[in-house]
Amino acid sequence: MEGIGGKLALISIKNTSVCVKKLPLTDLKQLPQHFMSIANIFDSPLGDQYGVGSCWLWGME
């Protein structure tokens, strides 16, 4: 699914639906010192505005 600013995916974690935004790996994130890192080195937002560009409605259909 295409959302505002990128692609979205709906995944399941322990039978709970979770909406995620797919972000491409940059050259910086692919450096060895960032291997398996979850650091937010680009200061990306950790959430979005409820109901705007989110996929929370996917499970409501």
C-alpha atoms as a PDB file:
ATOM      1  CA  MET A   1       0.000   0.000   0.000  1.00  0.00           C
ATOM      2  CA  GLU A   2       1.238   3.476  -0.820  1.00  0.00           C
ATOM      3  CA  GLY A   3       0.929   6.019   1.961  1.00  0.00           C
ATOM      4  CA  ILE A   4       1.869   9.643   2.424  1.00  0.00           C
ATOM      5  CA  GLY A   5       5.620   9.806   1.897  1.00  0.00           C
ATOM      6  CA  GLY A   6       6.238   6.141   1.146  1.00  0.00           C
ATOM      7  CA  LYS A   7       5.118   2.550   1.174  1.00  0.00           C
ATOM      8  CA  LEU A   8       3.287   0.971   4.082  1.00  0.00           C
ATOM      9  CA  ALA A   9       2.967  -2.635   5.126  1.00  0.00           C
ATOM     10  CA  LEU A  10       0.744  -4.470   7.544  1.00  0.00           C
ATOM     11  CA  ILE A  11       2.567  -7.154   9.533  1.00  0.00           C
ATOM     12  CA  SER A  12       1.482  -9.451  12.317  1.00  0.00           C
ATOM     13  CA  ILE A  13       3.361  -9.724  15.611  1.00  0.00           C
ATOM     14  CA  LYS A  14       1.976 -12.298  18.053  1.00  0.00           C
ATOM     15  CA  ASN A  15      -1.429 -12.154  16.304  1.00  0.00           C
ATOM     16  CA  THR A  16      -1.544  -8.350  16.519  1.00  0.00           C
ATOM     17  CA  SER A  17      -1.661  -6.300  13.316  1.00  0.00           C
ATOM     18  CA  VAL A  18       1.022  -3.621  13.148  1.00  0.00           C
ATOM     19  CA  CYS A  19       1.334  -0.921  10.486  1.00  0.00           C
ATOM     20  CA  VAL A  20       4.908  -0.162   9.420  1.00  0.00           C
ATOM     21  CA  LYS A  21       6.446   2.297   6.998  1.00  0.00           C
ATOM     22  CA  LYS A  22       9.025   0.840   4.630  1.00  0.00           C
ATOM     23  CA  LEU A  23      12.148   2.985   4.497  1.00  0.00           C
ATOM     24  CA  PRO A  24      14.970   2.240   2.048  1.00  0.00           C
ATOM     25  CA  LEU A  25      18.415   1.624   3.496  1.00  0.00           C
ATOM     26  CA  THR A  26      20.761   4.476   2.720  1.00  0.00           C
ATOM     27  CA  ASP A  27      24.511   4.155   2.232  1.00  0.00           C
ATOM     28  CA  LEU A  28      24.977   5.515   5.758  1.00  0.00           C
ATOM     29  CA  LYS A  29      22.686   2.890   7.311  1.00  0.00           C
ATOM     30  CA  GLN A  30      24.547   0.135   5.439  1.00  0.00           C
ATOM     31  CA  LEU A  31      27.912   0.960   7.036  1.00  0.00           C
ATOM     32  CA  PRO A  32      29.308  -1.818   9.270  1.00  0.00           C
ATOM     33  CA  GLN A  33      28.964   0.271  12.444  1.00  0.00           C
ATOM     34  CA  HIS A  34      25.189   0.445  11.862  1.00  0.00           C
ATOM     35  CA  PHE A  35      24.708  -3.309  11.257  1.00  0.00           C
ATOM     36  CA  MET A  36      21.527  -4.442  13.091  1.00  0.00           C
ATOM     37  CA  SER A  37      21.183  -0.961  14.613  1.00  0.00           C
ATOM     38  CA  ILE A  38      17.760   0.510  15.276  1.00  0.00           C
ATOM     39  CA  ALA A  39      19.178   3.966  15.990  1.00  0.00           C
ATOM     40  CA  ASN A  40      17.159   6.818  14.512  1.00  0.00           C
ATOM     41  CA  ILE A  41      20.166   8.550  12.918  1.00  0.00           C
ATOM     42  CA  PHE A  42      17.988  10.634  10.577  1.00  0.00           C
ATOM     43  CA  ASP A  43      15.608  11.827  13.319  1.00  0.00           C
ATOM     44  CA  SER A  44      12.603  10.291  11.519  1.00  0.00           C
ATOM     45  CA  PRO A  45       9.223  10.715  13.226  1.00  0.00           C
ATOM     46  CA  LEU A  46       8.345   7.771  15.468  1.00  0.00           C
ATOM     47  CA  GLY A  47       4.627   8.033  14.784  1.00  0.00           C
ATOM     48  CA  ASP A  48       2.124   9.771  12.598  1.00  0.00           C
ATOM     49  CA  GLN A  49      -1.014  11.797  13.034  1.00  0.00           C
ATOM     50  CA  TYR A  50      -3.864   9.447  13.943  1.00  0.00           C
ATOM     51  CA  GLY A  51      -5.934   8.679  10.874  1.00  0.00           C
ATOM     52  CA  VAL A  52      -3.821  10.730   8.434  1.00  0.00           C
ATOM     53  CA  GLY A  53      -1.659   8.564   6.219  1.00  0.00           C
ATOM     54  CA  SER A  54      -1.832   5.708   8.666  1.00  0.00           C
ATOM     55  CA  CYS A  55      -3.113   2.215   8.071  1.00  0.00           C
ATOM     56  CA  TRP A  56      -4.959   1.705  11.334  1.00  0.00           C
ATOM     57  CA  LEU A  57      -8.148   1.295   9.316  1.00  0.00           C
ATOM     58  CA  TRP A  58      -6.868  -1.806   7.511  1.00  0.00           C
ATOM     59  CA  GLY A  59      -8.011  -4.038  10.353  1.00  0.00           C
ATOM     60  CA  MET A  60     -11.346  -2.237  10.621  1.00  0.00           C
ATOM     61  CA  GLU A  61     -12.643  -3.246   7.175  1.00  0.00           C
END
